[in-house]
Amino acid sequence: MNDELKTKLDSLISQSQVMLFIKWTPEMPQCGFSARAMEMLIDAWIYFESFDILSDEDVRQWLKEYKSWPTYPQLYVKWELMWGVDIMQEMLEEGEFDELKEKLS
């Protein structure tokens, strides 16, 4: 990964305290996993920004290698990768979304 692409990924991740990389848009998610990830955040009243990985092939390919997580969606909280939808589901079931909301306040 070149420096320009790393800077671009860093910039995207830092756009919001909660950044979700998804397929397509929040209004029209292209995959069920992206839709579920957004639903969990919305239901928990956690504000997030999103980026459509299908809109930029470089971002889509290199973000998987950036933090060694091969699938989407990818959730970043305060610039740290929180993994994908399965981990998000576990966090929700274990009440960790409440802790996450406190961390963001």
PDB file of N, CA and C in Angstrom:
ATOM      1  N   MET A   1       0.851  -1.173   0.000  1.00  0.00           N
ATOM      2  CA  MET A   1       0.000   0.000   0.000  1.00  0.00           C
ATOM      3  C   MET A   1       0.894   1.233   0.000  1.00  0.00           C
ATOM      4  N   ASN A   2       0.609   2.151  -0.896  1.00  0.00           N
ATOM      5  CA  ASN A   2       1.428   3.358  -0.951  1.00  0.00           C
ATOM      6  C   ASN A   2       0.962   4.387   0.091  1.00  0.00           C
ATOM      7  N   ASP A   3       1.792   5.387   0.317  1.00  0.00           N
ATOM      8  CA  ASP A   3       1.502   6.399   1.335  1.00  0.00           C
ATOM      9  C   ASP A   3       0.224   7.172   1.033  1.00  0.00           C
ATOM     10  N   GLU A   4      -0.021   7.449  -0.240  1.00  0.00           N
ATOM     11  CA  GLU A   4      -1.219   8.200  -0.621  1.00  0.00           C
ATOM     12  C   GLU A   4      -2.491   7.424  -0.264  1.00  0.00           C
ATOM     13  N   LEU A   5      -2.486   6.136  -0.535  1.00  0.00           N
ATOM     14  CA  LEU A   5      -3.658   5.318  -0.211  1.00  0.00           C
ATOM     15  C   LEU A   5      -3.818   5.175   1.298  1.00  0.00           C
ATOM     16  N   LYS A   6      -2.729   4.993   2.019  1.00  0.00           N
ATOM     17  CA  LYS A   6      -2.807   4.903   3.481  1.00  0.00           C
ATOM     18  C   LYS A   6      -3.380   6.199   4.056  1.00  0.00           C
ATOM     19  N   THR A   7      -2.956   7.331   3.540  1.00  0.00           N
ATOM     20  CA  THR A   7      -3.483   8.620   3.982  1.00  0.00           C
ATOM     21  C   THR A   7      -4.973   8.724   3.682  1.00  0.00           C
ATOM     22  N   LYS A   8      -5.383   8.239   2.520  1.00  0.00           N
ATOM     23  CA  LYS A   8      -6.803   8.263   2.156  1.00  0.00           C
ATOM     24  C   LYS A   8      -7.624   7.401   3.114  1.00  0.00           C
ATOM     25  N   LEU A   9      -7.148   6.199   3.420  1.00  0.00           N
ATOM     26  CA  LEU A   9      -7.865   5.321   4.346  1.00  0.00           C
ATOM     27  C   LEU A   9      -7.920   5.934   5.739  1.00  0.00           C
ATOM     28  N   ASP A  10      -6.805   6.467   6.204  1.00  0.00           N
ATOM     29  CA  ASP A  10      -6.787   7.141   7.506  1.00  0.00           C
ATOM     30  C   ASP A  10      -7.799   8.281   7.547  1.00  0.00           C
ATOM     31  N   SER A  11      -7.863   9.034   6.467  1.00  0.00           N
ATOM     32  CA  SER A  11      -8.792  10.163   6.391  1.00  0.00           C
ATOM     33  C   SER A  11     -10.246   9.692   6.434  1.00  0.00           C
ATOM     34  N   LEU A  12     -10.562   8.646   5.707  1.00  0.00           N
ATOM     35  CA  LEU A  12     -11.924   8.111   5.713  1.00  0.00           C
ATOM     36  C   LEU A  12     -12.311   7.606   7.101  1.00  0.00           C
ATOM     37  N   ILE A  13     -11.429   6.847   7.707  1.00  0.00           N
ATOM     38  CA  ILE A  13     -11.708   6.270   9.026  1.00  0.00           C
ATOM     39  C   ILE A  13     -11.904   7.357  10.068  1.00  0.00           C
ATOM     40  N   SER A  14     -11.194   8.456   9.940  1.00  0.00           N
ATOM     41  CA  SER A  14     -11.262   9.515  10.952  1.00  0.00           C
ATOM     42  C   SER A  14     -12.365  10.539  10.696  1.00  0.00           C
ATOM     43  N   GLN A  15     -13.204  10.321   9.694  1.00  0.00           N
ATOM     44  CA  GLN A  15     -14.290  11.265   9.411  1.00  0.00           C
ATOM     45  C   GLN A  15     -15.326  11.333  10.529  1.00  0.00           C
ATOM     46  N   SER A  16     -15.433  10.285  11.314  1.00  0.00           N
ATOM     47  CA  SER A  16     -16.438  10.228  12.371  1.00  0.00           C
ATOM     48  C   SER A  16     -15.926   9.310  13.473  1.00  0.00           C
ATOM     49  N   GLN A  17     -16.435   9.511  14.686  1.00  0.00           N
ATOM     50  CA  GLN A  17     -16.061   8.608  15.783  1.00  0.00           C
ATOM     51  C   GLN A  17     -16.500   7.182  15.484  1.00  0.00           C
ATOM     52  N   VAL A  18     -17.593   7.047  14.721  1.00  0.00           N
ATOM     53  CA  VAL A  18     -18.102   5.741  14.320  1.00  0.00           C
ATOM     54  C   VAL A  18     -18.217   5.751  12.800  1.00  0.00           C
ATOM     55  N   MET A  19     -17.387   4.934  12.157  1.00  0.00           N
ATOM     56  CA  MET A  19     -17.350   4.883  10.699  1.00  0.00           C
ATOM     57  C   MET A  19     -17.623   3.457  10.256  1.00  0.00           C
ATOM     58  N   LEU A  20     -18.596   3.303   9.375  1.00  0.00           N
ATOM     59  CA  LEU A  20     -18.998   1.990   8.897  1.00  0.00           C
ATOM     60  C   LEU A  20     -18.756   1.901   7.397  1.00  0.00           C
ATOM     61  N   PHE A  21     -17.961   0.934   6.993  1.00  0.00           N
ATOM     62  CA  PHE A  21     -17.695   0.712   5.575  1.00  0.00           C
ATOM     63  C   PHE A  21     -18.646  -0.375   5.095  1.00  0.00           C
ATOM     64  N   ILE A  22     -19.507  -0.006   4.139  1.00  0.00           N
ATOM     65  CA  ILE A  22     -20.592  -0.878   3.706  1.00  0.00           C
ATOM     66  C   ILE A  22     -20.637  -0.989   2.185  1.00  0.00           C
ATOM     67  N   LYS A  23     -21.475  -1.896   1.718  1.00  0.00           N
ATOM     68  CA  LYS A  23     -21.736  -2.023   0.289  1.00  0.00           C
ATOM     69  C   LYS A  23     -22.970  -1.206  -0.043  1.00  0.00           C
ATOM     70  N   TRP A  24     -22.761  -0.171  -0.782  1.00  0.00           N
ATOM     71  CA  TRP A  24     -23.709   0.791  -1.307  1.00  0.00           C
ATOM     72  C   TRP A  24     -23.982   1.896  -0.324  1.00  0.00           C
ATOM     73  N   THR A  25     -25.214   2.235  -0.019  1.00  0.00           N
ATOM     74  CA  THR A  25     -25.511   3.393   0.826  1.00  0.00           C
ATOM     75  C   THR A  25     -26.446   2.998   1.966  1.00  0.00           C
ATOM     76  N   PRO A  26     -26.527   3.809   3.025  1.00  0.00           N
ATOM     77  CA  PRO A  26     -27.460   3.496   4.116  1.00  0.00           C
ATOM     78  C   PRO A  26     -28.910   3.407   3.634  1.00  0.00           C
ATOM     79  N   GLU A  27     -29.256   4.219   2.657  1.00  0.00           N
ATOM     80  CA  GLU A  27     -30.628   4.208   2.152  1.00  0.00           C
ATOM     81  C   GLU A  27     -30.920   2.971   1.296  1.00  0.00           C
ATOM     82  N   MET A  28     -29.894   2.456   0.652  1.00  0.00           N
ATOM     83  CA  MET A  28     -30.052   1.311  -0.254  1.00  0.00           C
ATOM     84  C   MET A  28     -28.890   0.333  -0.087  1.00  0.00           C
ATOM     85  N   PRO A  29     -28.787  -0.363   1.057  1.00  0.00           N
ATOM     86  CA  PRO A  29     -27.675  -1.295   1.229  1.00  0.00           C
ATOM     87  C   PRO A  29     -27.749  -2.415   0.200  1.00  0.00           C
ATOM     88  N   GLN A  30     -26.601  -2.839  -0.280  1.00  0.00           N
ATOM     89  CA  GLN A  30     -26.532  -3.866  -1.315  1.00  0.00           C
ATOM     90  C   GLN A  30     -26.387  -5.268  -0.726  1.00  0.00           C
ATOM     91  N   CYS A  31     -26.132  -5.369   0.555  1.00  0.00           N
ATOM     92  CA  CYS A  31     -26.020  -6.711   1.137  1.00  0.00           C
ATOM     93  C   CYS A  31     -26.701  -6.732   2.500  1.00  0.00           C
ATOM     94  N   GLY A  32     -27.159  -7.901   2.867  1.00  0.00           N
ATOM     95  CA  GLY A  32     -27.857  -8.058   4.138  1.00  0.00           C
ATOM     96  C   GLY A  32     -26.980  -7.785   5.345  1.00  0.00           C
ATOM     97  N   PHE A  33     -25.696  -8.092   5.239  1.00  0.00           N
ATOM     98  CA  PHE A  33     -24.788  -7.845   6.358  1.00  0.00           C
ATOM     99  C   PHE A  33     -24.629  -6.342   6.601  1.00  0.00           C
ATOM    100  N   SER A  34     -24.506  -5.576   5.517  1.00  0.00           N
ATOM    101  CA  SER A  34     -24.419  -4.117   5.654  1.00  0.00           C
ATOM    102  C   SER A  34     -25.701  -3.573   6.258  1.00  0.00           C
ATOM    103  N   ALA A  35     -26.832  -4.066   5.790  1.00  0.00           N
ATOM    104  CA  ALA A  35     -28.126  -3.617   6.314  1.00  0.00           C
ATOM    105  C   ALA A  35     -28.240  -3.941   7.799  1.00  0.00           C
ATOM    106  N   ARG A  36     -27.827  -5.123   8.204  1.00  0.00           N
ATOM    107  CA  ARG A  36     -27.901  -5.529   9.610  1.00  0.00           C
ATOM    108  C   ARG A  36     -26.986  -4.678  10.481  1.00  0.00           C
ATOM    109  N   ALA A  37     -25.780  -4.405  10.013  1.00  0.00           N
ATOM    110  CA  ALA A  37     -24.853  -3.578  10.785  1.00  0.00           C
ATOM    111  C   ALA A  37     -25.447  -2.192  11.024  1.00  0.00           C
ATOM    112  N   MET A  38     -26.014  -1.603   9.981  1.00  0.00           N
ATOM    113  CA  MET A  38     -26.623  -0.277  10.131  1.00  0.00           C
ATOM    114  C   MET A  38     -27.819  -0.336  11.068  1.00  0.00           C
ATOM    115  N   GLU A  39     -28.626  -1.360  10.935  1.00  0.00           N
ATOM    116  CA  GLU A  39     -29.807  -1.520  11.782  1.00  0.00           C
ATOM    117  C   GLU A  39     -29.421  -1.575  13.259  1.00  0.00           C
ATOM    118  N   MET A  40     -28.363  -2.324  13.570  1.00  0.00           N
ATOM    119  CA  MET A  40     -27.926  -2.426  14.966  1.00  0.00           C
ATOM    120  C   MET A  40     -27.500  -1.067  15.512  1.00  0.00           C
ATOM    121  N   LEU A  41     -26.737  -0.306  14.722  1.00  0.00           N
ATOM    122  CA  LEU A  41     -26.286   1.012  15.172  1.00  0.00           C
ATOM    123  C   LEU A  41     -27.471   1.971  15.330  1.00  0.00           C
ATOM    124  N   ILE A  42     -28.371   1.959  14.370  1.00  0.00           N
ATOM    125  CA  ILE A  42     -29.537   2.840  14.429  1.00  0.00           C
ATOM    126  C   ILE A  42     -30.414   2.488  15.622  1.00  0.00           C
ATOM    127  N   ASP A  43     -30.693   1.203  15.824  1.00  0.00           N
ATOM    128  CA  ASP A  43     -31.529   0.776  16.949  1.00  0.00           C
ATOM    129  C   ASP A  43     -30.906   1.132  18.288  1.00  0.00           C
ATOM    130  N   ALA A  44     -29.568   1.177  18.342  1.00  0.00           N
ATOM    131  CA  ALA A  44     -28.862   1.518  19.586  1.00  0.00           C
ATOM    132  C   ALA A  44     -28.668   3.025  19.724  1.00  0.00           C
ATOM    133  N   TRP A  45     -29.168   3.781  18.770  1.00  0.00           N
ATOM    134  CA  TRP A  45     -29.031   5.241  18.759  1.00  0.00           C
ATOM    135  C   TRP A  45     -27.570   5.664  18.758  1.00  0.00           C
ATOM    136  N   ILE A  46     -26.764   4.961  17.970  1.00  0.00           N
ATOM    137  CA  ILE A  46     -25.356   5.303  17.824  1.00  0.00           C
ATOM    138  C   ILE A  46     -25.188   5.993  16.479  1.00  0.00           C
ATOM    139  N   TYR A  47     -24.773   7.262  16.522  1.00  0.00           N
ATOM    140  CA  TYR A  47     -24.573   8.023  15.290  1.00  0.00           C
ATOM    141  C   TYR A  47     -23.341   7.487  14.568  1.00  0.00           C
ATOM    142  N   PHE A  48     -23.469   7.328  13.258  1.00  0.00           N
ATOM    143  CA  PHE A  48     -22.347   6.848  12.466  1.00  0.00           C
ATOM    144  C   PHE A  48     -22.355   7.503  11.096  1.00  0.00           C
ATOM    145  N   GLU A  49     -21.185   7.529  10.507  1.00  0.00           N
ATOM    146  CA  GLU A  49     -21.028   7.896   9.101  1.00  0.00           C
ATOM    147  C   GLU A  49     -20.729   6.601   8.360  1.00  0.00           C
ATOM    148  N   SER A  50     -20.935   6.626   7.054  1.00  0.00           N
ATOM    149  CA  SER A  50     -20.649   5.416   6.285  1.00  0.00           C
ATOM    150  C   SER A  50     -19.931   5.770   4.989  1.00  0.00           C
ATOM    151  N   PHE A  51     -19.301   4.756   4.430  1.00  0.00           N
ATOM    152  CA  PHE A  51     -18.634   4.903   3.144  1.00  0.00           C
ATOM    153  C   PHE A  51     -18.987   3.702   2.289  1.00  0.00           C
ATOM    154  N   ASP A  52     -19.375   3.963   1.057  1.00  0.00           N
ATOM    155  CA  ASP A  52     -19.730   2.922   0.099  1.00  0.00           C
ATOM    156  C   ASP A  52     -18.460   2.361  -0.531  1.00  0.00           C
ATOM    157  N   ILE A  53     -18.086   1.165  -0.136  1.00  0.00           N
ATOM    158  CA  ILE A  53     -16.849   0.578  -0.650  1.00  0.00           C
ATOM    159  C   ILE A  53     -16.942   0.239  -2.137  1.00  0.00           C
ATOM    160  N   LEU A  54     -18.158   0.140  -2.664  1.00  0.00           N
ATOM    161  CA  LEU A  54     -18.319  -0.158  -4.084  1.00  0.00           C
ATOM    162  C   LEU A  54     -18.049   1.071  -4.952  1.00  0.00           C
ATOM    163  N   SER A  55     -17.951   2.226  -4.329  1.00  0.00           N
ATOM    164  CA  SER A  55     -17.706   3.463  -5.079  1.00  0.00           C
ATOM    165  C   SER A  55     -16.219   3.709  -5.345  1.00  0.00           C
ATOM    166  N   ASP A  56     -15.352   2.935  -4.704  1.00  0.00           N
ATOM    167  CA  ASP A  56     -13.915   3.154  -4.842  1.00  0.00           C
ATOM    168  C   ASP A  56     -13.190   1.815  -4.731  1.00  0.00           C
ATOM    169  N   GLU A  57     -12.743   1.299  -5.862  1.00  0.00           N
ATOM    170  CA  GLU A  57     -12.114  -0.020  -5.907  1.00  0.00           C
ATOM    171  C   GLU A  57     -10.844  -0.092  -5.053  1.00  0.00           C
ATOM    172  N   ASP A  58     -10.047   0.970  -5.024  1.00  0.00           N
ATOM    173  CA  ASP A  58      -8.840   0.967  -4.197  1.00  0.00           C
ATOM    174  C   ASP A  58      -9.185   0.822  -2.721  1.00  0.00           C
ATOM    175  N   VAL A  59     -10.157   1.595  -2.268  1.00  0.00           N
ATOM    176  CA  VAL A  59     -10.573   1.505  -0.865  1.00  0.00           C
ATOM    177  C   VAL A  59     -11.106   0.105  -0.576  1.00  0.00           C
ATOM    178  N   ARG A  60     -11.947  -0.403  -1.449  1.00  0.00           N
ATOM    179  CA  ARG A  60     -12.544  -1.732  -1.240  1.00  0.00           C
ATOM    180  C   ARG A  60     -11.467  -2.813  -1.115  1.00  0.00           C
ATOM    181  N   GLN A  61     -10.476  -2.781  -1.978  1.00  0.00           N
ATOM    182  CA  GLN A  61      -9.435  -3.800  -1.950  1.00  0.00           C
ATOM    183  C   GLN A  61      -8.464  -3.629  -0.787  1.00  0.00           C
ATOM    184  N   TRP A  62      -7.996  -2.403  -0.580  1.00  0.00           N
ATOM    185  CA  TRP A  62      -6.930  -2.193   0.401  1.00  0.00           C
ATOM    186  C   TRP A  62      -7.414  -2.113   1.837  1.00  0.00           C
ATOM    187  N   LEU A  63      -8.669  -1.741   2.056  1.00  0.00           N
ATOM    188  CA  LEU A  63      -9.163  -1.683   3.427  1.00  0.00           C
ATOM    189  C   LEU A  63      -9.164  -3.078   4.053  1.00  0.00           C
ATOM    190  N   LYS A  64      -9.382  -4.095   3.246  1.00  0.00           N
ATOM    191  CA  LYS A  64      -9.341  -5.474   3.751  1.00  0.00           C
ATOM    192  C   LYS A  64      -7.960  -5.822   4.294  1.00  0.00           C
ATOM    193  N   GLU A  65      -6.926  -5.300   3.674  1.00  0.00           N
ATOM    194  CA  GLU A  65      -5.560  -5.587   4.111  1.00  0.00           C
ATOM    195  C   GLU A  65      -5.074  -4.614   5.183  1.00  0.00           C
ATOM    196  N   TYR A  66      -5.670  -3.446   5.217  1.00  0.00           N
ATOM    197  CA  TYR A  66      -5.240  -2.379   6.117  1.00  0.00           C
ATOM    198  C   TYR A  66      -5.191  -2.855   7.571  1.00  0.00           C
ATOM    199  N   LYS A  67      -6.225  -3.553   8.009  1.00  0.00           N
ATOM    200  CA  LYS A  67      -6.274  -4.073   9.379  1.00  0.00           C
ATOM    201  C   LYS A  67      -6.470  -5.590   9.394  1.00  0.00           C
ATOM    202  N   SER A  68      -6.187  -6.228   8.264  1.00  0.00           N
ATOM    203  CA  SER A  68      -6.273  -7.689   8.136  1.00  0.00           C
ATOM    204  C   SER A  68      -7.662  -8.238   8.478  1.00  0.00           C
ATOM    205  N   TRP A  69      -8.693  -7.579   7.951  1.00  0.00           N
ATOM    206  CA  TRP A  69     -10.061  -8.068   8.107  1.00  0.00           C
ATOM    207  C   TRP A  69     -10.663  -8.171   6.708  1.00  0.00           C
ATOM    208  N   PRO A  70     -10.934  -9.395   6.225  1.00  0.00           N
ATOM    209  CA  PRO A  70     -11.223  -9.602   4.804  1.00  0.00           C
ATOM    210  C   PRO A  70     -12.657  -9.350   4.341  1.00  0.00           C
ATOM    211  N   THR A  71     -13.564  -9.065   5.248  1.00  0.00           N
ATOM    212  CA  THR A  71     -14.966  -8.951   4.839  1.00  0.00           C
ATOM    213  C   THR A  71     -15.553  -7.586   5.175  1.00  0.00           C
ATOM    214  N   TYR A  72     -16.713  -7.329   4.607  1.00  0.00           N
ATOM    215  CA  TYR A  72     -17.493  -6.115   4.880  1.00  0.00           C
ATOM    216  C   TYR A  72     -18.875  -6.522   5.348  1.00  0.00           C
ATOM    217  N   PRO A  73     -19.475  -5.675   6.179  1.00  0.00           N
ATOM    218  CA  PRO A  73     -19.052  -4.343   6.588  1.00  0.00           C
ATOM    219  C   PRO A  73     -17.907  -4.386   7.602  1.00  0.00           C
ATOM    220  N   GLN A  74     -17.248  -3.228   7.722  1.00  0.00           N
ATOM    221  CA  GLN A  74     -16.214  -3.037   8.736  1.00  0.00           C
ATOM    222  C   GLN A  74     -16.605  -1.814   9.566  1.00  0.00           C
ATOM    223  N   LEU A  75     -16.589  -1.985  10.869  1.00  0.00           N
ATOM    224  CA  LEU A  75     -16.940  -0.908  11.789  1.00  0.00           C
ATOM    225  C   LEU A  75     -15.686  -0.406  12.493  1.00  0.00           C
ATOM    226  N   TYR A  76     -15.475   0.903  12.406  1.00  0.00           N
ATOM    227  CA  TYR A  76     -14.383   1.562  13.129  1.00  0.00           C
ATOM    228  C   TYR A  76     -14.989   2.484  14.175  1.00  0.00           C
ATOM    229  N   VAL A  77     -14.505   2.372  15.401  1.00  0.00           N
ATOM    230  CA  VAL A  77     -14.953   3.236  16.490  1.00  0.00           C
ATOM    231  C   VAL A  77     -13.727   3.933  17.043  1.00  0.00           C
ATOM    232  N   LYS A  78     -13.793   5.246  17.030  1.00  0.00           N
ATOM    233  CA  LYS A  78     -12.649   6.057  17.452  1.00  0.00           C
ATOM    234  C   LYS A  78     -11.372   5.559  16.783  1.00  0.00           C
ATOM    235  N   TRP A  79     -11.469   5.319  15.493  1.00  0.00           N
ATOM    236  CA  TRP A  79     -10.357   4.984  14.628  1.00  0.00           C
ATOM    237  C   TRP A  79      -9.775   3.585  14.841  1.00  0.00           C
ATOM    238  N   GLU A  80     -10.484   2.748  15.615  1.00  0.00           N
ATOM    239  CA  GLU A  80     -10.064   1.363  15.821  1.00  0.00           C
ATOM    240  C   GLU A  80     -11.061   0.429  15.153  1.00  0.00           C
ATOM    241  N   LEU A  81     -10.568  -0.591  14.486  1.00  0.00           N
ATOM    242  CA  LEU A  81     -11.441  -1.574  13.867  1.00  0.00           C
ATOM    243  C   LEU A  81     -12.128  -2.406  14.940  1.00  0.00           C
ATOM    244  N   MET A  82     -13.468  -2.423  14.875  1.00  0.00           N
ATOM    245  CA  MET A  82     -14.263  -3.230  15.805  1.00  0.00           C
ATOM    246  C   MET A  82     -14.760  -4.504  15.122  1.00  0.00           C
ATOM    247  N   TRP A  83     -14.251  -4.784  13.932  1.00  0.00           N
ATOM    248  CA  TRP A  83     -14.531  -5.982  13.160  1.00  0.00           C
ATOM    249  C   TRP A  83     -15.816  -5.854  12.358  1.00  0.00           C
ATOM    250  N   GLY A  84     -16.488  -6.985  12.168  1.00  0.00           N
ATOM    251  CA  GLY A  84     -17.635  -7.020  11.266  1.00  0.00           C
ATOM    252  C   GLY A  84     -18.948  -7.271  11.973  1.00  0.00           C
ATOM    253  N   VAL A  85     -19.933  -7.648  11.194  1.00  0.00           N
ATOM    254  CA  VAL A  85     -21.302  -7.752  11.690  1.00  0.00           C
ATOM    255  C   VAL A  85     -21.461  -8.849  12.745  1.00  0.00           C
ATOM    256  N   ASP A  86     -20.739  -9.962  12.638  1.00  0.00           N
ATOM    257  CA  ASP A  86     -20.853 -11.029  13.641  1.00  0.00           C
ATOM    258  C   ASP A  86     -20.387 -10.545  15.008  1.00  0.00           C
ATOM    259  N   ILE A  87     -19.267  -9.841  15.023  1.00  0.00           N
ATOM    260  CA  ILE A  87     -18.750  -9.293  16.278  1.00  0.00           C
ATOM    261  C   ILE A  87     -19.702  -8.227  16.808  1.00  0.00           C
ATOM    262  N   MET A  88     -20.249  -7.415  15.907  1.00  0.00           N
ATOM    263  CA  MET A  88     -21.227  -6.400  16.325  1.00  0.00           C
ATOM    264  C   MET A  88     -22.426  -7.067  16.988  1.00  0.00           C
ATOM    265  N   GLN A  89     -22.907  -8.166  16.413  1.00  0.00           N
ATOM    266  CA  GLN A  89     -24.052  -8.893  16.989  1.00  0.00           C
ATOM    267  C   GLN A  89     -23.719  -9.398  18.386  1.00  0.00           C
ATOM    268  N   GLU A  90     -22.512  -9.956  18.559  1.00  0.00           N
ATOM    269  CA  GLU A  90     -22.085 -10.413  19.883  1.00  0.00           C
ATOM    270  C   GLU A  90     -22.032  -9.251  20.870  1.00  0.00           C
ATOM    271  N   MET A  91     -21.484  -8.123  20.433  1.00  0.00           N
ATOM    272  CA  MET A  91     -21.402  -6.938  21.289  1.00  0.00           C
ATOM    273  C   MET A  91     -22.797  -6.494  21.720  1.00  0.00           C
ATOM    274  N   LEU A  92     -23.729  -6.495  20.793  1.00  0.00           N
ATOM    275  CA  LEU A  92     -25.101  -6.095  21.089  1.00  0.00           C
ATOM    276  C   LEU A  92     -25.722  -7.040  22.115  1.00  0.00           C
ATOM    277  N   GLU A  93     -25.571  -8.340  21.896  1.00  0.00           N
ATOM    278  CA  GLU A  93     -26.158  -9.341  22.788  1.00  0.00           C
ATOM    279  C   GLU A  93     -25.545  -9.298  24.181  1.00  0.00           C
ATOM    280  N   GLU A  94     -24.290  -8.899  24.277  1.00  0.00           N
ATOM    281  CA  GLU A  94     -23.610  -8.863  25.571  1.00  0.00           C
ATOM    282  C   GLU A  94     -23.689  -7.491  26.247  1.00  0.00           C
ATOM    283  N   GLY A  95     -24.478  -6.578  25.666  1.00  0.00           N
ATOM    284  CA  GLY A  95     -24.666  -5.261  26.257  1.00  0.00           C
ATOM    285  C   GLY A  95     -23.513  -4.303  26.039  1.00  0.00           C
ATOM    286  N   GLU A  96     -22.587  -4.657  25.161  1.00  0.00           N
ATOM    287  CA  GLU A  96     -21.424  -3.809  24.951  1.00  0.00           C
ATOM    288  C   GLU A  96     -21.732  -2.564  24.133  1.00  0.00           C
ATOM    289  N   PHE A  97     -22.880  -2.523  23.463  1.00  0.00           N
ATOM    290  CA  PHE A  97     -23.250  -1.306  22.751  1.00  0.00           C
ATOM    291  C   PHE A  97     -23.525  -0.177  23.734  1.00  0.00           C
ATOM    292  N   ASP A  98     -24.056  -0.513  24.922  1.00  0.00           N
ATOM    293  CA  ASP A  98     -24.272   0.516  25.951  1.00  0.00           C
ATOM    294  C   ASP A  98     -22.933   1.101  26.396  1.00  0.00           C
ATOM    295  N   GLU A  99     -21.958   0.242  26.581  1.00  0.00           N
ATOM    296  CA  GLU A  99     -20.608   0.704  26.949  1.00  0.00           C
ATOM    297  C   GLU A  99     -20.009   1.557  25.817  1.00  0.00           C
ATOM    298  N   LEU A 100     -20.268   1.141  24.602  1.00  0.00           N
ATOM    299  CA  LEU A 100     -19.782   1.877  23.449  1.00  0.00           C
ATOM    300  C   LEU A 100     -20.391   3.281  23.407  1.00  0.00           C
ATOM    301  N   LYS A 101     -21.677   3.375  23.672  1.00  0.00           N
ATOM    302  CA  LYS A 101     -22.336   4.688  23.677  1.00  0.00           C
ATOM    303  C   LYS A 101     -21.748   5.596  24.752  1.00  0.00           C
ATOM    304  N   GLU A 102     -21.441   5.034  25.907  1.00  0.00           N
ATOM    305  CA  GLU A 102     -20.818   5.823  26.973  1.00  0.00           C
ATOM    306  C   GLU A 102     -19.438   6.307  26.547  1.00  0.00           C
ATOM    307  N   LYS A 103     -18.690   5.449  25.875  1.00  0.00           N
ATOM    308  CA  LYS A 103     -17.357   5.786  25.408  1.00  0.00           C
ATOM    309  C   LYS A 103     -17.407   6.936  24.403  1.00  0.00           C
ATOM    310  N   LEU A 104     -18.488   7.010  23.637  1.00  0.00           N
ATOM    311  CA  LEU A 104     -18.630   8.030  22.601  1.00  0.00           C
ATOM    312  C   LEU A 104     -19.167   9.351  23.151  1.00  0.00           C
ATOM    313  N   SER A 105     -19.717   9.330  24.346  1.00  0.00           N
ATOM    314  CA  SER A 105     -20.295  10.563  24.907  1.00  0.00           C
ATOM    315  C   SER A 105     -19.249  11.545  25.332  1.00  0.00           C
TER     316      SER A 105
END
